[in-house]
Amino acid sequence: AAAAKALGGVEERQAMTERVVSDVVDDIHMNQKMMEEEFARMEDERGEQQRLIGRQREVLEEQQARIEHQEKEQWKLREDQRRWQSDLEDHQNKVVRFSEQQRLKHEELLNEQRTREEAFRAQGDQRQMVQEQLKRMQEVNQQQQA
């Protein structure tokens, strides 16, 4: 009876040990499963982060390309503006030179006209003097004849 009782106690402790070992193994399996799930979730998050980083990189590259394009367009516009400004200045200089030429021609024509008018006046004065002299001579002739 004592041996059966001792054997019963050993069996009971062995059953308890098996339950504890079974519980520990279950806990280990559950912890391992939770760790695998956590690792899978972390891998998913890492993949999502990598995808977001990749998208951000694409957006930044697109923005950089747009900025470079805008800079090229601005450079072209500045070059066009410089060229147009230069063309405008050239045209304005031509207009100023033409206006100056016109003014000089006008002055020249005015001077020629004044010279002609003075010549006509001088001719007129000489005619008048000759006419007056002729008149006096006629008067003298008439007085002499009278």
N, C-alpha and C. Protein backbone atom coordinates (compact mmCIF):
# COMPACT_ATOMS: atom_id res chain seq x y z
N ALA A 1 0.83 -1.19 0.00
CA ALA A 1 0.00 0.00 0.00
C ALA A 1 0.86 1.23 0.00
N ALA A 2 1.94 1.20 0.77
CA ALA A 2 2.82 2.37 0.82
C ALA A 2 3.48 2.55 -0.53
N ALA A 3 3.83 1.43 -1.13
CA ALA A 3 4.48 1.52 -2.43
C ALA A 3 3.49 2.02 -3.46
N ALA A 4 2.23 1.58 -3.36
CA ALA A 4 1.21 2.05 -4.30
C ALA A 4 0.93 3.50 -4.07
N LYS A 5 0.94 3.90 -2.79
CA LYS A 5 0.71 5.30 -2.47
C LYS A 5 1.86 6.13 -3.00
N ALA A 6 3.10 5.65 -2.81
CA ALA A 6 4.28 6.36 -3.28
C ALA A 6 4.26 6.39 -4.79
N LEU A 7 3.86 5.28 -5.41
CA LEU A 7 3.77 5.24 -6.87
C LEU A 7 2.70 6.18 -7.35
N GLY A 8 1.58 6.26 -6.64
CA GLY A 8 0.49 7.18 -7.00
C GLY A 8 0.97 8.61 -6.89
N GLY A 9 1.77 8.93 -5.86
CA GLY A 9 2.31 10.28 -5.70
C GLY A 9 3.28 10.62 -6.81
N VAL A 10 4.09 9.62 -7.22
CA VAL A 10 5.05 9.85 -8.32
C VAL A 10 4.27 10.07 -9.60
N GLU A 11 3.25 9.26 -9.84
CA GLU A 11 2.46 9.41 -11.06
C GLU A 11 1.76 10.76 -11.07
N GLU A 12 1.28 11.15 -9.89
CA GLU A 12 0.60 12.44 -9.78
C GLU A 12 1.58 13.57 -10.08
N ARG A 13 2.82 13.49 -9.51
CA ARG A 13 3.84 14.52 -9.77
C ARG A 13 4.27 14.48 -11.23
N GLN A 14 4.34 13.28 -11.78
CA GLN A 14 4.73 13.17 -13.18
C GLN A 14 3.65 13.77 -14.06
N ALA A 15 2.39 13.53 -13.74
CA ALA A 15 1.28 14.10 -14.52
C ALA A 15 1.30 15.62 -14.39
N MET A 16 1.60 16.12 -13.15
CA MET A 16 1.66 17.55 -12.92
C MET A 16 2.83 18.13 -13.71
N THR A 17 3.97 17.44 -13.70
CA THR A 17 5.15 17.90 -14.43
C THR A 17 4.85 17.93 -15.92
N GLU A 18 4.15 16.90 -16.40
CA GLU A 18 3.79 16.85 -17.83
C GLU A 18 2.85 18.00 -18.17
N ARG A 19 1.90 18.32 -17.24
CA ARG A 19 1.00 19.45 -17.49
C ARG A 19 1.79 20.75 -17.52
N VAL A 20 2.72 20.91 -16.59
CA VAL A 20 3.53 22.14 -16.54
C VAL A 20 4.39 22.22 -17.80
N VAL A 21 5.01 21.12 -18.19
CA VAL A 21 5.84 21.10 -19.40
C VAL A 21 4.96 21.40 -20.61
N SER A 22 3.77 20.80 -20.64
CA SER A 22 2.84 21.03 -21.74
C SER A 22 2.43 22.50 -21.78
N ASP A 23 2.15 23.08 -20.61
CA ASP A 23 1.79 24.50 -20.54
C ASP A 23 2.96 25.37 -21.00
N VAL A 24 4.20 25.03 -20.57
CA VAL A 24 5.39 25.80 -20.99
C VAL A 24 5.57 25.68 -22.49
N VAL A 25 5.43 24.46 -23.03
CA VAL A 25 5.57 24.27 -24.48
C VAL A 25 4.49 25.05 -25.21
N ASP A 26 3.25 25.01 -24.68
CA ASP A 26 2.17 25.80 -25.29
C ASP A 26 2.52 27.29 -25.26
N ASP A 27 3.04 27.74 -24.10
CA ASP A 27 3.44 29.15 -23.98
C ASP A 27 4.55 29.49 -24.97
N ILE A 28 5.52 28.60 -25.10
CA ILE A 28 6.64 28.82 -26.05
C ILE A 28 6.09 28.90 -27.47
N HIS A 29 5.20 27.95 -27.83
CA HIS A 29 4.60 27.96 -29.17
C HIS A 29 3.79 29.24 -29.41
N MET A 30 3.02 29.64 -28.36
CA MET A 30 2.21 30.84 -28.50
C MET A 30 3.12 32.07 -28.63
N ASN A 31 4.18 32.12 -27.81
CA ASN A 31 5.13 33.23 -27.91
C ASN A 31 5.82 33.24 -29.27
N GLN A 32 6.19 32.06 -29.75
CA GLN A 32 6.84 31.96 -31.05
C GLN A 32 5.88 32.43 -32.15
N LYS A 33 4.61 32.00 -32.05
CA LYS A 33 3.61 32.42 -33.04
C LYS A 33 3.41 33.93 -32.98
N MET A 34 3.34 34.50 -31.75
CA MET A 34 3.17 35.94 -31.60
C MET A 34 4.39 36.68 -32.17
N MET A 35 5.58 36.12 -31.91
CA MET A 35 6.80 36.75 -32.43
C MET A 35 6.81 36.69 -33.96
N GLU A 36 6.40 35.56 -34.53
CA GLU A 36 6.34 35.44 -35.99
C GLU A 36 5.34 36.42 -36.57
N GLU A 37 4.16 36.54 -35.90
CA GLU A 37 3.15 37.50 -36.37
C GLU A 37 3.67 38.93 -36.27
N GLU A 38 4.35 39.22 -35.14
CA GLU A 38 4.93 40.56 -34.95
C GLU A 38 6.01 40.82 -36.00
N PHE A 39 6.83 39.80 -36.26
CA PHE A 39 7.88 39.94 -37.27
C PHE A 39 7.25 40.16 -38.66
N ALA A 40 6.18 39.39 -38.96
CA ALA A 40 5.50 39.55 -40.25
C ALA A 40 4.89 40.95 -40.34
N ARG A 41 4.28 41.43 -39.23
CA ARG A 41 3.70 42.77 -39.22
C ARG A 41 4.80 43.82 -39.43
N MET A 42 5.93 43.63 -38.75
CA MET A 42 7.04 44.57 -38.90
C MET A 42 7.58 44.54 -40.34
N GLU A 43 7.65 43.35 -40.92
CA GLU A 43 8.09 43.22 -42.31
C GLU A 43 7.11 43.94 -43.24
N ASP A 44 5.80 43.77 -42.97
CA ASP A 44 4.78 44.46 -43.77
C ASP A 44 4.95 45.97 -43.64
N GLU A 45 5.14 46.45 -42.37
CA GLU A 45 5.33 47.88 -42.15
C GLU A 45 6.59 48.37 -42.86
N ARG A 46 7.66 47.57 -42.77
CA ARG A 46 8.91 47.94 -43.44
C ARG A 46 8.70 48.01 -44.95
N GLY A 47 7.97 47.04 -45.48
CA GLY A 47 7.67 47.06 -46.91
C GLY A 47 6.86 48.29 -47.29
N GLU A 48 5.87 48.62 -46.45
CA GLU A 48 5.04 49.82 -46.69
C GLU A 48 5.90 51.08 -46.61
N GLN A 49 6.80 51.12 -45.63
CA GLN A 49 7.69 52.28 -45.51
C GLN A 49 8.60 52.38 -46.73
N GLN A 50 9.10 51.23 -47.19
CA GLN A 50 9.95 51.24 -48.39
C GLN A 50 9.17 51.73 -49.60
N ARG A 51 7.91 51.29 -49.69
CA ARG A 51 7.06 51.72 -50.80
C ARG A 51 6.84 53.24 -50.72
N LEU A 52 6.54 53.74 -49.50
CA LEU A 52 6.33 55.17 -49.31
C LEU A 52 7.60 55.96 -49.62
N ILE A 53 8.74 55.43 -49.17
CA ILE A 53 10.02 56.09 -49.46
C ILE A 53 10.25 56.13 -50.97
N GLY A 54 9.94 55.01 -51.64
CA GLY A 54 10.09 54.96 -53.10
C GLY A 54 9.18 55.98 -53.77
N ARG A 55 7.95 56.09 -53.30
CA ARG A 55 6.99 57.07 -53.88
C ARG A 55 7.47 58.49 -53.62
N GLN A 56 7.97 58.73 -52.39
CA GLN A 56 8.49 60.06 -52.08
C GLN A 56 9.67 60.40 -52.99
N ARG A 57 10.52 59.42 -53.23
CA ARG A 57 11.67 59.62 -54.12
C ARG A 57 11.18 59.97 -55.53
N GLU A 58 10.14 59.25 -56.01
CA GLU A 58 9.58 59.54 -57.33
C GLU A 58 9.03 60.97 -57.38
N VAL A 59 8.29 61.35 -56.33
CA VAL A 59 7.71 62.69 -56.27
C VAL A 59 8.83 63.74 -56.29
N LEU A 60 9.86 63.51 -55.49
CA LEU A 60 10.99 64.45 -55.45
C LEU A 60 11.68 64.54 -56.81
N GLU A 61 11.86 63.40 -57.46
CA GLU A 61 12.49 63.41 -58.79
C GLU A 61 11.63 64.15 -59.80
N GLU A 62 10.30 63.95 -59.71
CA GLU A 62 9.38 64.69 -60.60
C GLU A 62 9.46 66.18 -60.33
N GLN A 63 9.48 66.56 -59.04
CA GLN A 63 9.59 67.98 -58.69
C GLN A 63 10.90 68.56 -59.21
N GLN A 64 11.98 67.81 -59.03
CA GLN A 64 13.29 68.27 -59.51
C GLN A 64 13.28 68.45 -61.02
N ALA A 65 12.66 67.53 -61.72
CA ALA A 65 12.58 67.63 -63.18
C ALA A 65 11.76 68.87 -63.57
N ARG A 66 10.65 69.11 -62.86
CA ARG A 66 9.83 70.30 -63.14
C ARG A 66 10.62 71.57 -62.87
N ILE A 67 11.34 71.58 -61.75
CA ILE A 67 12.16 72.76 -61.41
C ILE A 67 13.20 73.00 -62.49
N GLU A 68 13.88 71.95 -62.92
CA GLU A 68 14.90 72.09 -63.97
C GLU A 68 14.27 72.60 -65.25
N HIS A 69 13.09 72.07 -65.59
CA HIS A 69 12.39 72.52 -66.80
C HIS A 69 12.02 74.01 -66.67
N GLN A 70 11.50 74.39 -65.50
CA GLN A 70 11.13 75.79 -65.28
C GLN A 70 12.36 76.70 -65.37
N GLU A 71 13.48 76.24 -64.81
CA GLU A 71 14.71 77.03 -64.88
C GLU A 71 15.15 77.21 -66.33
N LYS A 72 15.05 76.14 -67.13
CA LYS A 72 15.41 76.25 -68.55
C LYS A 72 14.48 77.22 -69.26
N GLU A 73 13.18 77.12 -68.96
CA GLU A 73 12.21 78.03 -69.59
C GLU A 73 12.48 79.48 -69.18
N GLN A 74 12.78 79.69 -67.90
CA GLN A 74 13.09 81.04 -67.44
C GLN A 74 14.35 81.57 -68.12
N TRP A 75 15.35 80.71 -68.28
CA TRP A 75 16.58 81.12 -68.95
C TRP A 75 16.26 81.51 -70.40
N LYS A 76 15.44 80.69 -71.08
CA LYS A 76 15.05 81.00 -72.46
C LYS A 76 14.31 82.33 -72.52
N LEU A 77 13.38 82.54 -71.57
CA LEU A 77 12.63 83.79 -71.54
C LEU A 77 13.55 84.98 -71.31
N ARG A 78 14.53 84.82 -70.40
CA ARG A 78 15.48 85.92 -70.15
C ARG A 78 16.30 86.19 -71.41
N GLU A 79 16.73 85.15 -72.09
CA GLU A 79 17.49 85.33 -73.33
C GLU A 79 16.63 86.02 -74.39
N ASP A 80 15.36 85.58 -74.52
CA ASP A 80 14.45 86.24 -75.46
C ASP A 80 14.28 87.70 -75.10
N GLN A 81 14.10 87.96 -73.81
CA GLN A 81 13.90 89.34 -73.36
C GLN A 81 15.15 90.18 -73.66
N ARG A 82 16.33 89.62 -73.41
CA ARG A 82 17.58 90.35 -73.72
C ARG A 82 17.65 90.64 -75.22
N ARG A 83 17.33 89.65 -76.03
CA ARG A 83 17.39 89.82 -77.48
C ARG A 83 16.37 90.87 -77.93
N TRP A 84 15.15 90.79 -77.39
CA TRP A 84 14.12 91.77 -77.75
C TRP A 84 14.53 93.18 -77.31
N GLN A 85 15.11 93.28 -76.12
CA GLN A 85 15.57 94.58 -75.61
C GLN A 85 16.66 95.13 -76.53
N SER A 86 17.57 94.27 -76.94
CA SER A 86 18.64 94.69 -77.84
C SER A 86 18.06 95.14 -79.18
N ASP A 87 17.11 94.35 -79.72
CA ASP A 87 16.46 94.73 -80.99
C ASP A 87 15.73 96.05 -80.85
N LEU A 88 15.05 96.25 -79.71
CA LEU A 88 14.33 97.49 -79.47
C LEU A 88 15.30 98.67 -79.41
N GLU A 89 16.41 98.49 -78.70
CA GLU A 89 17.41 99.55 -78.61
C GLU A 89 17.99 99.86 -79.98
N ASP A 90 18.28 98.81 -80.78
CA ASP A 90 18.77 99.03 -82.14
C ASP A 90 17.77 99.83 -82.95
N HIS A 91 16.51 99.43 -82.85
CA HIS A 91 15.46 100.14 -83.60
C HIS A 91 15.36 101.60 -83.13
N GLN A 92 15.39 101.80 -81.81
CA GLN A 92 15.31 103.16 -81.29
C GLN A 92 16.50 104.00 -81.77
N ASN A 93 17.68 103.39 -81.80
CA ASN A 93 18.86 104.11 -82.30
C ASN A 93 18.69 104.47 -83.77
N LYS A 94 18.13 103.56 -84.56
CA LYS A 94 17.89 103.85 -85.98
C LYS A 94 16.90 105.00 -86.12
N VAL A 95 15.85 104.99 -85.29
CA VAL A 95 14.85 106.06 -85.34
C VAL A 95 15.50 107.38 -84.98
N VAL A 96 16.36 107.38 -83.95
CA VAL A 96 17.04 108.62 -83.54
C VAL A 96 17.95 109.10 -84.68
N ARG A 97 18.72 108.18 -85.29
CA ARG A 97 19.61 108.58 -86.40
C ARG A 97 18.79 109.12 -87.57
N PHE A 98 17.68 108.43 -87.90
CA PHE A 98 16.82 108.88 -89.00
C PHE A 98 16.26 110.26 -88.69
N SER A 99 15.79 110.45 -87.44
CA SER A 99 15.24 111.75 -87.04
C SER A 99 16.30 112.84 -87.16
N GLU A 100 17.52 112.51 -86.74
CA GLU A 100 18.61 113.49 -86.84
C GLU A 100 18.91 113.81 -88.30
N GLN A 101 18.92 112.78 -89.15
CA GLN A 101 19.15 113.01 -90.60
C GLN A 101 18.05 113.89 -91.17
N GLN A 102 16.81 113.61 -90.77
CA GLN A 102 15.68 114.42 -91.25
C GLN A 102 15.82 115.86 -90.78
N ARG A 103 16.22 116.05 -89.52
CA ARG A 103 16.39 117.40 -88.99
C ARG A 103 17.49 118.14 -89.75
N LEU A 104 18.62 117.43 -90.02
CA LEU A 104 19.71 118.06 -90.76
C LEU A 104 19.28 118.42 -92.19
N LYS A 105 18.54 117.52 -92.84
CA LYS A 105 18.04 117.81 -94.20
C LYS A 105 17.11 119.01 -94.16
N HIS A 106 16.24 119.06 -93.16
CA HIS A 106 15.30 120.17 -93.02
C HIS A 106 16.07 121.48 -92.83
N GLU A 107 17.09 121.45 -91.95
CA GLU A 107 17.92 122.64 -91.74
C GLU A 107 18.59 123.06 -93.05
N GLU A 108 19.12 122.07 -93.76
CA GLU A 108 19.80 122.35 -95.03
C GLU A 108 18.83 123.01 -96.02
N LEU A 109 17.62 122.45 -96.10
CA LEU A 109 16.62 123.02 -97.01
C LEU A 109 16.24 124.43 -96.57
N LEU A 110 16.09 124.65 -95.27
CA LEU A 110 15.78 125.99 -94.76
C LEU A 110 16.90 126.96 -95.10
N ASN A 111 18.15 126.53 -94.92
CA ASN A 111 19.30 127.39 -95.25
C ASN A 111 19.31 127.73 -96.73
N GLU A 112 19.06 126.71 -97.58
CA GLU A 112 19.01 126.96 -99.02
C GLU A 112 17.91 127.96 -99.35
N GLN A 113 16.75 127.79 -98.70
CA GLN A 113 15.63 128.69 -98.96
C GLN A 113 15.99 130.11 -98.52
N ARG A 114 16.62 130.26 -97.34
CA ARG A 114 17.04 131.58 -96.87
C ARG A 114 18.03 132.20 -97.85
N THR A 115 18.97 131.38 -98.31
CA THR A 115 19.98 131.88 -99.26
C THR A 115 19.28 132.38 -100.53
N ARG A 116 18.32 131.59 -101.02
CA ARG A 116 17.58 132.00 -102.21
C ARG A 116 16.80 133.29 -101.95
N GLU A 117 16.14 133.33 -100.78
CA GLU A 117 15.36 134.53 -100.45
C GLU A 117 16.27 135.74 -100.36
N GLU A 118 17.45 135.59 -99.75
CA GLU A 118 18.40 136.70 -99.66
C GLU A 118 18.88 137.11 -101.05
N ALA A 119 19.12 136.12 -101.90
CA ALA A 119 19.56 136.42 -103.27
C ALA A 119 18.46 137.18 -104.00
N PHE A 120 17.19 136.70 -103.84
CA PHE A 120 16.07 137.41 -104.48
C PHE A 120 15.96 138.83 -103.94
N ARG A 121 16.11 138.98 -102.61
CA ARG A 121 16.05 140.31 -102.01
C ARG A 121 17.15 141.20 -102.57
N ALA A 122 18.37 140.62 -102.62
CA ALA A 122 19.49 141.40 -103.14
C ALA A 122 19.22 141.78 -104.59
N GLN A 123 18.69 140.84 -105.38
CA GLN A 123 18.35 141.16 -106.78
C GLN A 123 17.29 142.24 -106.82
N GLY A 124 16.30 142.08 -105.93
CA GLY A 124 15.22 143.07 -105.87
C GLY A 124 15.76 144.43 -105.50
N ASP A 125 16.68 144.49 -104.52
CA ASP A 125 17.28 145.76 -104.10
C ASP A 125 18.06 146.37 -105.26
N GLN A 126 18.80 145.53 -106.00
CA GLN A 126 19.57 146.04 -107.15
C GLN A 126 18.62 146.55 -108.23
N ARG A 127 17.55 145.80 -108.47
CA ARG A 127 16.56 146.24 -109.46
C ARG A 127 15.98 147.59 -109.06
N GLN A 128 15.64 147.65 -107.76
CA GLN A 128 15.05 148.89 -107.28
C GLN A 128 16.05 150.04 -107.44
N MET A 129 17.32 149.76 -107.09
CA MET A 129 18.35 150.80 -107.24
C MET A 129 18.48 151.20 -108.71
N VAL A 130 18.54 150.21 -109.60
CA VAL A 130 18.66 150.49 -111.04
C VAL A 130 17.44 151.28 -111.50
N GLN A 131 16.24 150.87 -111.06
CA GLN A 131 15.02 151.57 -111.46
C GLN A 131 15.04 153.01 -110.97
N GLU A 132 15.51 153.18 -109.70
CA GLU A 132 15.59 154.54 -109.18
C GLU A 132 16.60 155.37 -109.97
N GLN A 133 17.74 154.71 -110.31
CA GLN A 133 18.74 155.44 -111.10
C GLN A 133 18.18 155.80 -112.48
N LEU A 134 17.46 154.82 -113.07
CA LEU A 134 16.85 155.09 -114.38
C LEU A 134 15.84 156.23 -114.26
N LYS A 135 15.09 156.21 -113.20
CA LYS A 135 14.09 157.24 -112.96
C LYS A 135 14.76 158.61 -112.86
N ARG A 136 15.84 158.65 -112.05
CA ARG A 136 16.57 159.91 -111.89
C ARG A 136 17.15 160.35 -113.23
N MET A 137 17.71 159.39 -113.97
CA MET A 137 18.29 159.75 -115.26
C MET A 137 17.22 160.28 -116.20
N GLN A 138 16.04 159.64 -116.15
CA GLN A 138 14.94 160.12 -117.00
C GLN A 138 14.52 161.52 -116.57
N GLU A 139 14.50 161.71 -115.25
CA GLU A 139 14.12 163.03 -114.75
C GLU A 139 15.14 164.07 -115.22
N VAL A 140 16.44 163.67 -115.11
CA VAL A 140 17.50 164.59 -115.54
C VAL A 140 17.36 164.84 -117.04
N ASN A 141 17.12 163.78 -117.81
CA ASN A 141 16.94 163.92 -119.28
C ASN A 141 15.76 164.82 -119.56
N GLN A 142 14.67 164.63 -118.85
CA GLN A 142 13.49 165.45 -119.09
C GLN A 142 13.77 166.92 -118.72
N GLN A 143 14.54 167.10 -117.63
CA GLN A 143 14.86 168.48 -117.25
C GLN A 143 15.78 169.09 -118.28
N GLN A 144 16.70 168.28 -118.80
CA GLN A 144 17.62 168.81 -119.78
C GLN A 144 16.86 169.12 -121.07
N GLN A 145 15.92 168.33 -121.40
CA GLN A 145 15.17 168.55 -122.62
C GLN A 145 14.21 169.71 -122.43
N ALA A 146 13.88 169.99 -121.28
CA ALA A 146 12.90 171.07 -121.05
C ALA A 146 13.58 172.37 -120.99
